[in-house]
Amino acid sequence: MADEHPPSASEVVFLPRPSWAPAVLAVGLAVALAGAFAGWFYAALGGLIALIGLWIWIKQSAAETAQLPADQAVDTAVLPPVNVRRANGR
């Protein structure tokens, strides 16, 4: 029992790499929101920063997902949906 090893994973799990793009997008949206009250220049600047952050984020995500395999073989049983009932019988 002690020398048994768990089976190796057969499915690919996608985890994106860390990125500054969401933070850039958030800062841009915050500046754009503040610019709505402070003036059009800040709103435009925040909008530009937000668009750049969104563009970088989409580009990085597309590049990472393009490297994934197109098809994965499922070697585990697909479980049927089961209704869950409460313990008290209702």
PDB file of N, CA and C in Angstrom:
ATOM      1  N   MET A   1       0.799  -1.199   0.000  1.00  0.00           N
ATOM      2  CA  MET A   1       0.000   0.000   0.000  1.00  0.00           C
ATOM      3  C   MET A   1       0.846   1.271   0.000  1.00  0.00           C
ATOM      4  N   ALA A   2       1.942   1.266   0.716  1.00  0.00           N
ATOM      5  CA  ALA A   2       2.731   2.478   0.862  1.00  0.00           C
ATOM      6  C   ALA A   2       3.449   2.866  -0.422  1.00  0.00           C
ATOM      7  N   ASP A   3       3.740   1.893  -1.300  1.00  0.00           N
ATOM      8  CA  ASP A   3       4.482   2.223  -2.497  1.00  0.00           C
ATOM      9  C   ASP A   3       3.575   2.425  -3.721  1.00  0.00           C
ATOM     10  N   GLU A   4       2.263   2.586  -3.520  1.00  0.00           N
ATOM     11  CA  GLU A   4       1.354   2.890  -4.627  1.00  0.00           C
ATOM     12  C   GLU A   4       1.445   4.372  -4.953  1.00  0.00           C
ATOM     13  N   HIS A   5       1.435   4.674  -6.247  1.00  0.00           N
ATOM     14  CA  HIS A   5       1.481   6.063  -6.697  1.00  0.00           C
ATOM     15  C   HIS A   5       0.163   6.400  -7.378  1.00  0.00           C
ATOM     16  N   PRO A   6      -0.272   7.638  -7.269  1.00  0.00           N
ATOM     17  CA  PRO A   6      -1.509   8.011  -7.947  1.00  0.00           C
ATOM     18  C   PRO A   6      -1.304   7.955  -9.466  1.00  0.00           C
ATOM     19  N   PRO A   7      -2.380   7.695 -10.209  1.00  0.00           N
ATOM     20  CA  PRO A   7      -2.233   7.637 -11.663  1.00  0.00           C
ATOM     21  C   PRO A   7      -1.885   9.011 -12.227  1.00  0.00           C
ATOM     22  N   SER A   8      -1.197   9.004 -13.345  1.00  0.00           N
ATOM     23  CA  SER A   8      -0.828  10.281 -13.965  1.00  0.00           C
ATOM     24  C   SER A   8      -2.064  10.921 -14.584  1.00  0.00           C
ATOM     25  N   ALA A   9      -2.052  12.209 -14.682  1.00  0.00           N
ATOM     26  CA  ALA A   9      -3.191  12.944 -15.234  1.00  0.00           C
ATOM     27  C   ALA A   9      -3.306  12.697 -16.726  1.00  0.00           C
ATOM     28  N   SER A  10      -4.532  12.525 -17.182  1.00  0.00           N
ATOM     29  CA  SER A  10      -4.744  12.278 -18.601  1.00  0.00           C
ATOM     30  C   SER A  10      -5.330  13.489 -19.314  1.00  0.00           C
ATOM     31  N   GLU A  11      -5.917  14.408 -18.589  1.00  0.00           N
ATOM     32  CA  GLU A  11      -6.472  15.612 -19.177  1.00  0.00           C
ATOM     33  C   GLU A  11      -5.516  16.781 -18.927  1.00  0.00           C
ATOM     34  N   VAL A  12      -5.529  17.729 -19.839  1.00  0.00           N
ATOM     35  CA  VAL A  12      -4.700  18.919 -19.704  1.00  0.00           C
ATOM     36  C   VAL A  12      -5.512  19.981 -18.976  1.00  0.00           C
ATOM     37  N   VAL A  13      -4.956  20.517 -17.914  1.00  0.00           N
ATOM     38  CA  VAL A  13      -5.606  21.587 -17.167  1.00  0.00           C
ATOM     39  C   VAL A  13      -4.919  22.888 -17.543  1.00  0.00           C
ATOM     40  N   PHE A  14      -5.707  23.854 -17.997  1.00  0.00           N
ATOM     41  CA  PHE A  14      -5.145  25.124 -18.445  1.00  0.00           C
ATOM     42  C   PHE A  14      -5.098  26.110 -17.287  1.00  0.00           C
ATOM     43  N   LEU A  15      -3.912  26.589 -16.985  1.00  0.00           N
ATOM     44  CA  LEU A  15      -3.711  27.665 -16.018  1.00  0.00           C
ATOM     45  C   LEU A  15      -2.917  28.758 -16.715  1.00  0.00           C
ATOM     46  N   PRO A  16      -3.495  29.946 -16.856  1.00  0.00           N
ATOM     47  CA  PRO A  16      -2.769  31.013 -17.532  1.00  0.00           C
ATOM     48  C   PRO A  16      -1.580  31.488 -16.713  1.00  0.00           C
ATOM     49  N   ARG A  17      -0.596  32.002 -17.424  1.00  0.00           N
ATOM     50  CA  ARG A  17       0.572  32.562 -16.736  1.00  0.00           C
ATOM     51  C   ARG A  17       0.191  33.877 -16.063  1.00  0.00           C
ATOM     52  N   PRO A  18       0.905  34.277 -15.027  1.00  0.00           N
ATOM     53  CA  PRO A  18       0.619  35.568 -14.387  1.00  0.00           C
ATOM     54  C   PRO A  18       0.800  36.716 -15.378  1.00  0.00           C
ATOM     55  N   SER A  19      -0.031  37.738 -15.232  1.00  0.00           N
ATOM     56  CA  SER A  19      -0.002  38.851 -16.164  1.00  0.00           C
ATOM     57  C   SER A  19      -0.362  40.146 -15.440  1.00  0.00           C
ATOM     58  N   TRP A  20       0.193  41.230 -15.934  1.00  0.00           N
ATOM     59  CA  TRP A  20      -0.142  42.551 -15.417  1.00  0.00           C
ATOM     60  C   TRP A  20      -1.330  43.151 -16.157  1.00  0.00           C
ATOM     61  N   ALA A  21      -1.797  42.501 -17.218  1.00  0.00           N
ATOM     62  CA  ALA A  21      -2.863  43.061 -18.037  1.00  0.00           C
ATOM     63  C   ALA A  21      -4.159  43.329 -17.251  1.00  0.00           C
ATOM     64  N   PRO A  22      -4.628  42.434 -16.370  1.00  0.00           N
ATOM     65  CA  PRO A  22      -5.842  42.764 -15.609  1.00  0.00           C
ATOM     66  C   PRO A  22      -5.673  43.985 -14.707  1.00  0.00           C
ATOM     67  N   ALA A  23      -4.484  44.142 -14.141  1.00  0.00           N
ATOM     68  CA  ALA A  23      -4.233  45.307 -13.286  1.00  0.00           C
ATOM     69  C   ALA A  23      -4.207  46.594 -14.115  1.00  0.00           C
ATOM     70  N   VAL A  24      -3.616  46.525 -15.312  1.00  0.00           N
ATOM     71  CA  VAL A  24      -3.589  47.698 -16.195  1.00  0.00           C
ATOM     72  C   VAL A  24      -5.012  48.069 -16.602  1.00  0.00           C
ATOM     73  N   LEU A  25      -5.818  47.056 -16.922  1.00  0.00           N
ATOM     74  CA  LEU A  25      -7.216  47.303 -17.274  1.00  0.00           C
ATOM     75  C   LEU A  25      -7.970  47.945 -16.107  1.00  0.00           C
ATOM     76  N   ALA A  26      -7.762  47.444 -14.900  1.00  0.00           N
ATOM     77  CA  ALA A  26      -8.443  47.994 -13.728  1.00  0.00           C
ATOM     78  C   ALA A  26      -8.028  49.439 -13.460  1.00  0.00           C
ATOM     79  N   VAL A  27      -6.738  49.733 -13.602  1.00  0.00           N
ATOM     80  CA  VAL A  27      -6.267  51.110 -13.400  1.00  0.00           C
ATOM     81  C   VAL A  27      -6.871  52.027 -14.456  1.00  0.00           C
ATOM     82  N   GLY A  28      -6.907  51.549 -15.701  1.00  0.00           N
ATOM     83  CA  GLY A  28      -7.494  52.357 -16.771  1.00  0.00           C
ATOM     84  C   GLY A  28      -8.964  52.642 -16.528  1.00  0.00           C
ATOM     85  N   LEU A  29      -9.713  51.643 -16.076  1.00  0.00           N
ATOM     86  CA  LEU A  29     -11.129  51.864 -15.787  1.00  0.00           C
ATOM     87  C   LEU A  29     -11.322  52.813 -14.609  1.00  0.00           C
ATOM     88  N   ALA A  30     -10.447  52.701 -13.607  1.00  0.00           N
ATOM     89  CA  ALA A  30     -10.542  53.605 -12.451  1.00  0.00           C
ATOM     90  C   ALA A  30     -10.241  55.045 -12.859  1.00  0.00           C
ATOM     91  N   VAL A  31      -9.227  55.228 -13.695  1.00  0.00           N
ATOM     92  CA  VAL A  31      -8.897  56.580 -14.164  1.00  0.00           C
ATOM     93  C   VAL A  31     -10.018  57.123 -15.038  1.00  0.00           C
ATOM     94  N   ALA A  32     -10.601  56.278 -15.878  1.00  0.00           N
ATOM     95  CA  ALA A  32     -11.715  56.716 -16.722  1.00  0.00           C
ATOM     96  C   ALA A  32     -12.920  57.108 -15.876  1.00  0.00           C
ATOM     97  N   LEU A  33     -13.191  56.348 -14.831  1.00  0.00           N
ATOM     98  CA  LEU A  33     -14.302  56.690 -13.943  1.00  0.00           C
ATOM     99  C   LEU A  33     -14.031  57.998 -13.210  1.00  0.00           C
ATOM    100  N   ALA A  34     -12.812  58.166 -12.726  1.00  0.00           N
ATOM    101  CA  ALA A  34     -12.456  59.432 -12.069  1.00  0.00           C
ATOM    102  C   ALA A  34     -12.502  60.579 -13.072  1.00  0.00           C
ATOM    103  N   GLY A  35     -12.129  60.290 -14.324  1.00  0.00           N
ATOM    104  CA  GLY A  35     -12.174  61.317 -15.361  1.00  0.00           C
ATOM    105  C   GLY A  35     -13.579  61.755 -15.704  1.00  0.00           C
ATOM    106  N   ALA A  36     -14.556  60.921 -15.435  1.00  0.00           N
ATOM    107  CA  ALA A  36     -15.941  61.315 -15.660  1.00  0.00           C
ATOM    108  C   ALA A  36     -16.327  62.487 -14.754  1.00  0.00           C
ATOM    109  N   PHE A  37     -15.654  62.602 -13.623  1.00  0.00           N
ATOM    110  CA  PHE A  37     -15.928  63.695 -12.702  1.00  0.00           C
ATOM    111  C   PHE A  37     -14.861  64.795 -12.767  1.00  0.00           C
ATOM    112  N   ALA A  38     -13.634  64.435 -13.193  1.00  0.00           N
ATOM    113  CA  ALA A  38     -12.538  65.402 -13.185  1.00  0.00           C
ATOM    114  C   ALA A  38     -12.372  66.128 -14.510  1.00  0.00           C
ATOM    115  N   GLY A  39     -12.721  65.504 -15.599  1.00  0.00           N
ATOM    116  CA  GLY A  39     -12.570  66.158 -16.892  1.00  0.00           C
ATOM    117  C   GLY A  39     -12.381  65.147 -18.005  1.00  0.00           C
ATOM    118  N   TRP A  40     -12.648  65.587 -19.228  1.00  0.00           N
ATOM    119  CA  TRP A  40     -12.612  64.686 -20.373  1.00  0.00           C
ATOM    120  C   TRP A  40     -11.211  64.154 -20.649  1.00  0.00           C
ATOM    121  N   PHE A  41     -10.169  64.925 -20.344  1.00  0.00           N
ATOM    122  CA  PHE A  41      -8.806  64.469 -20.614  1.00  0.00           C
ATOM    123  C   PHE A  41      -8.483  63.204 -19.821  1.00  0.00           C
ATOM    124  N   TYR A  42      -8.846  63.207 -18.543  1.00  0.00           N
ATOM    125  CA  TYR A  42      -8.581  62.040 -17.693  1.00  0.00           C
ATOM    126  C   TYR A  42      -9.462  60.848 -18.102  1.00  0.00           C
ATOM    127  N   ALA A  43     -10.673  61.131 -18.515  1.00  0.00           N
ATOM    128  CA  ALA A  43     -11.548  60.057 -18.981  1.00  0.00           C
ATOM    129  C   ALA A  43     -10.978  59.419 -20.248  1.00  0.00           C
ATOM    130  N   ALA A  44     -10.488  60.238 -21.168  1.00  0.00           N
ATOM    131  CA  ALA A  44      -9.902  59.711 -22.401  1.00  0.00           C
ATOM    132  C   ALA A  44      -8.613  58.957 -22.109  1.00  0.00           C
ATOM    133  N   LEU A  45      -7.796  59.485 -21.217  1.00  0.00           N
ATOM    134  CA  LEU A  45      -6.548  58.814 -20.842  1.00  0.00           C
ATOM    135  C   LEU A  45      -6.841  57.462 -20.184  1.00  0.00           C
ATOM    136  N   GLY A  46      -7.805  57.427 -19.277  1.00  0.00           N
ATOM    137  CA  GLY A  46      -8.192  56.178 -18.632  1.00  0.00           C
ATOM    138  C   GLY A  46      -8.766  55.181 -19.625  1.00  0.00           C
ATOM    139  N   GLY A  47      -9.552  55.664 -20.572  1.00  0.00           N
ATOM    140  CA  GLY A  47     -10.094  54.786 -21.599  1.00  0.00           C
ATOM    141  C   GLY A  47      -9.006  54.188 -22.467  1.00  0.00           C
ATOM    142  N   LEU A  48      -8.006  54.995 -22.798  1.00  0.00           N
ATOM    143  CA  LEU A  48      -6.884  54.504 -23.598  1.00  0.00           C
ATOM    144  C   LEU A  48      -6.089  53.454 -22.822  1.00  0.00           C
ATOM    145  N   ILE A  49      -5.822  53.705 -21.565  1.00  0.00           N
ATOM    146  CA  ILE A  49      -5.103  52.738 -20.724  1.00  0.00           C
ATOM    147  C   ILE A  49      -5.909  51.445 -20.611  1.00  0.00           C
ATOM    148  N   ALA A  50      -7.224  51.563 -20.426  1.00  0.00           N
ATOM    149  CA  ALA A  50      -8.076  50.385 -20.310  1.00  0.00           C
ATOM    150  C   ALA A  50      -8.074  49.584 -21.609  1.00  0.00           C
ATOM    151  N   LEU A  51      -8.145  50.254 -22.753  1.00  0.00           N
ATOM    152  CA  LEU A  51      -8.124  49.544 -24.030  1.00  0.00           C
ATOM    153  C   LEU A  51      -6.792  48.832 -24.260  1.00  0.00           C
ATOM    154  N   ILE A  52      -5.707  49.467 -23.877  1.00  0.00           N
ATOM    155  CA  ILE A  52      -4.391  48.828 -24.014  1.00  0.00           C
ATOM    156  C   ILE A  52      -4.311  47.593 -23.118  1.00  0.00           C
ATOM    157  N   GLY A  53      -4.766  47.709 -21.870  1.00  0.00           N
ATOM    158  CA  GLY A  53      -4.767  46.564 -20.960  1.00  0.00           C
ATOM    159  C   GLY A  53      -5.634  45.429 -21.468  1.00  0.00           C
ATOM    160  N   LEU A  54      -6.814  45.759 -22.004  1.00  0.00           N
ATOM    161  CA  LEU A  54      -7.702  44.739 -22.543  1.00  0.00           C
ATOM    162  C   LEU A  54      -7.091  44.071 -23.770  1.00  0.00           C
ATOM    163  N   TRP A  55      -6.472  44.849 -24.639  1.00  0.00           N
ATOM    164  CA  TRP A  55      -5.831  44.305 -25.845  1.00  0.00           C
ATOM    165  C   TRP A  55      -4.696  43.348 -25.481  1.00  0.00           C
ATOM    166  N   ILE A  56      -3.867  43.737 -24.527  1.00  0.00           N
ATOM    167  CA  ILE A  56      -2.762  42.872 -24.095  1.00  0.00           C
ATOM    168  C   ILE A  56      -3.299  41.586 -23.482  1.00  0.00           C
ATOM    169  N   TRP A  57      -4.338  41.688 -22.660  1.00  0.00           N
ATOM    170  CA  TRP A  57      -4.912  40.529 -21.991  1.00  0.00           C
ATOM    171  C   TRP A  57      -5.492  39.542 -23.011  1.00  0.00           C
ATOM    172  N   ILE A  58      -6.228  40.042 -23.987  1.00  0.00           N
ATOM    173  CA  ILE A  58      -6.811  39.182 -25.017  1.00  0.00           C
ATOM    174  C   ILE A  58      -5.719  38.538 -25.861  1.00  0.00           C
ATOM    175  N   LYS A  59      -4.709  39.313 -26.225  1.00  0.00           N
ATOM    176  CA  LYS A  59      -3.614  38.784 -27.046  1.00  0.00           C
ATOM    177  C   LYS A  59      -2.863  37.674 -26.305  1.00  0.00           C
ATOM    178  N   GLN A  60      -2.563  37.881 -25.022  1.00  0.00           N
ATOM    179  CA  GLN A  60      -1.863  36.860 -24.246  1.00  0.00           C
ATOM    180  C   GLN A  60      -2.720  35.602 -24.077  1.00  0.00           C
ATOM    181  N   SER A  61      -4.014  35.790 -23.816  1.00  0.00           N
ATOM    182  CA  SER A  61      -4.897  34.632 -23.652  1.00  0.00           C
ATOM    183  C   SER A  61      -5.023  33.836 -24.942  1.00  0.00           C
ATOM    184  N   ALA A  62      -5.129  34.518 -26.066  1.00  0.00           N
ATOM    185  CA  ALA A  62      -5.236  33.833 -27.351  1.00  0.00           C
ATOM    186  C   ALA A  62      -3.961  33.054 -27.655  1.00  0.00           C
ATOM    187  N   ALA A  63      -2.804  33.638 -27.344  1.00  0.00           N
ATOM    188  CA  ALA A  63      -1.537  32.950 -27.598  1.00  0.00           C
ATOM    189  C   ALA A  63      -1.389  31.716 -26.707  1.00  0.00           C
ATOM    190  N   GLU A  64      -1.836  31.804 -25.461  1.00  0.00           N
ATOM    191  CA  GLU A  64      -1.710  30.672 -24.542  1.00  0.00           C
ATOM    192  C   GLU A  64      -2.684  29.549 -24.889  1.00  0.00           C
ATOM    193  N   THR A  65      -3.915  29.896 -25.241  1.00  0.00           N
ATOM    194  CA  THR A  65      -4.887  28.858 -25.570  1.00  0.00           C
ATOM    195  C   THR A  65      -4.605  28.222 -26.924  1.00  0.00           C
ATOM    196  N   ALA A  66      -3.906  28.909 -27.804  1.00  0.00           N
ATOM    197  CA  ALA A  66      -3.546  28.327 -29.101  1.00  0.00           C
ATOM    198  C   ALA A  66      -2.524  27.202 -28.934  1.00  0.00           C
ATOM    199  N   GLN A  67      -1.800  27.185 -27.839  1.00  0.00           N
ATOM    200  CA  GLN A  67      -0.795  26.152 -27.601  1.00  0.00           C
ATOM    201  C   GLN A  67      -1.399  24.880 -26.999  1.00  0.00           C
ATOM    202  N   LEU A  68      -2.670  24.905 -26.610  1.00  0.00           N
ATOM    203  CA  LEU A  68      -3.314  23.729 -26.027  1.00  0.00           C
ATOM    204  C   LEU A  68      -3.643  22.717 -27.123  1.00  0.00           C
ATOM    205  N   PRO A  69      -3.700  21.440 -26.773  1.00  0.00           N
ATOM    206  CA  PRO A  69      -4.092  20.447 -27.769  1.00  0.00           C
ATOM    207  C   PRO A  69      -5.544  20.663 -28.201  1.00  0.00           C
ATOM    208  N   ALA A  70      -5.816  20.390 -29.471  1.00  0.00           N
ATOM    209  CA  ALA A  70      -7.157  20.638 -30.009  1.00  0.00           C
ATOM    210  C   ALA A  70      -8.177  19.644 -29.475  1.00  0.00           C
ATOM    211  N   ASP A  71      -7.765  18.411 -29.189  1.00  0.00           N
ATOM    212  CA  ASP A  71      -8.705  17.396 -28.751  1.00  0.00           C
ATOM    213  C   ASP A  71      -8.060  16.573 -27.641  1.00  0.00           C
ATOM    214  N   GLN A  72      -8.852  16.251 -26.630  1.00  0.00           N
ATOM    215  CA  GLN A  72      -8.356  15.442 -25.523  1.00  0.00           C
ATOM    216  C   GLN A  72      -9.210  14.187 -25.419  1.00  0.00           C
ATOM    217  N   ALA A  73      -8.573  13.072 -25.204  1.00  0.00           N
ATOM    218  CA  ALA A  73      -9.299  11.823 -25.011  1.00  0.00           C
ATOM    219  C   ALA A  73      -9.728  11.714 -23.553  1.00  0.00           C
ATOM    220  N   VAL A  74     -10.984  11.412 -23.342  1.00  0.00           N
ATOM    221  CA  VAL A  74     -11.504  11.257 -21.993  1.00  0.00           C
ATOM    222  C   VAL A  74     -11.415   9.787 -21.630  1.00  0.00           C
ATOM    223  N   ASP A  75     -10.665   9.469 -20.596  1.00  0.00           N
ATOM    224  CA  ASP A  75     -10.516   8.073 -20.196  1.00  0.00           C
ATOM    225  C   ASP A  75     -11.183   7.787 -18.845  1.00  0.00           C
ATOM    226  N   THR A  76     -12.014   8.703 -18.385  1.00  0.00           N
ATOM    227  CA  THR A  76     -12.733   8.503 -17.135  1.00  0.00           C
ATOM    228  C   THR A  76     -14.220   8.372 -17.428  1.00  0.00           C
ATOM    229  N   ALA A  77     -14.948   7.806 -16.530  1.00  0.00           N
ATOM    230  CA  ALA A  77     -16.384   7.624 -16.709  1.00  0.00           C
ATOM    231  C   ALA A  77     -17.100   8.956 -16.536  1.00  0.00           C
ATOM    232  N   VAL A  78     -18.059   9.182 -17.385  1.00  0.00           N
ATOM    233  CA  VAL A  78     -18.889  10.371 -17.258  1.00  0.00           C
ATOM    234  C   VAL A  78     -20.045  10.024 -16.334  1.00  0.00           C
ATOM    235  N   LEU A  79     -20.171  10.767 -15.259  1.00  0.00           N
ATOM    236  CA  LEU A  79     -21.196  10.468 -14.266  1.00  0.00           C
ATOM    237  C   LEU A  79     -22.532  11.075 -14.691  1.00  0.00           C
ATOM    238  N   PRO A  80     -23.615  10.310 -14.538  1.00  0.00           N
ATOM    239  CA  PRO A  80     -24.932  10.860 -14.887  1.00  0.00           C
ATOM    240  C   PRO A  80     -25.372  11.860 -13.825  1.00  0.00           C
ATOM    241  N   PRO A  81     -26.254  12.806 -14.189  1.00  0.00           N
ATOM    242  CA  PRO A  81     -26.748  13.752 -13.188  1.00  0.00           C
ATOM    243  C   PRO A  81     -27.627  13.037 -12.180  1.00  0.00           C
ATOM    244  N   VAL A  82     -27.466  13.387 -10.925  1.00  0.00           N
ATOM    245  CA  VAL A  82     -28.213  12.763  -9.840  1.00  0.00           C
ATOM    246  C   VAL A  82     -28.852  13.872  -9.014  1.00  0.00           C
ATOM    247  N   ASN A  83     -30.123  13.702  -8.692  1.00  0.00           N
ATOM    248  CA  ASN A  83     -30.796  14.657  -7.821  1.00  0.00           C
ATOM    249  C   ASN A  83     -30.264  14.511  -6.410  1.00  0.00           C
ATOM    250  N   VAL A  84     -29.985  15.618  -5.770  1.00  0.00           N
ATOM    251  CA  VAL A  84     -29.474  15.609  -4.409  1.00  0.00           C
ATOM    252  C   VAL A  84     -30.639  15.892  -3.473  1.00  0.00           C
ATOM    253  N   ARG A  85     -30.823  15.026  -2.503  1.00  0.00           N
ATOM    254  CA  ARG A  85     -31.916  15.207  -1.530  1.00  0.00           C
ATOM    255  C   ARG A  85     -31.320  15.547  -0.170  1.00  0.00           C
ATOM    256  N   ARG A  86     -32.102  16.255   0.592  1.00  0.00           N
ATOM    257  CA  ARG A  86     -31.667  16.608   1.932  1.00  0.00           C
ATOM    258  C   ARG A  86     -31.695  15.379   2.832  1.00  0.00           C
ATOM    259  N   ALA A  87     -30.937  15.425   3.916  1.00  0.00           N
ATOM    260  CA  ALA A  87     -30.841  14.285   4.838  1.00  0.00           C
ATOM    261  C   ALA A  87     -32.129  14.036   5.595  1.00  0.00           C
ATOM    262  N   ASN A  88     -32.952  15.070   5.802  1.00  0.00           N
ATOM    263  CA  ASN A  88     -34.167  14.882   6.581  1.00  0.00           C
ATOM    264  C   ASN A  88     -35.337  14.365   5.738  1.00  0.00           C
ATOM    265  N   GLY A  89     -35.130  14.032   4.464  1.00  0.00           N
ATOM    266  CA  GLY A  89     -36.129  13.387   3.640  1.00  0.00           C
ATOM    267  C   GLY A  89     -37.040  14.315   2.871  1.00  0.00           C
ATOM    268  N   ARG A  90     -36.823  15.599   2.885  1.00  0.00           N
ATOM    269  CA  ARG A  90     -37.677  16.517   2.137  1.00  0.00           C
ATOM    270  C   ARG A  90     -37.212  16.691   0.739  1.00  0.00           C
TER     271      ARG A  90
END
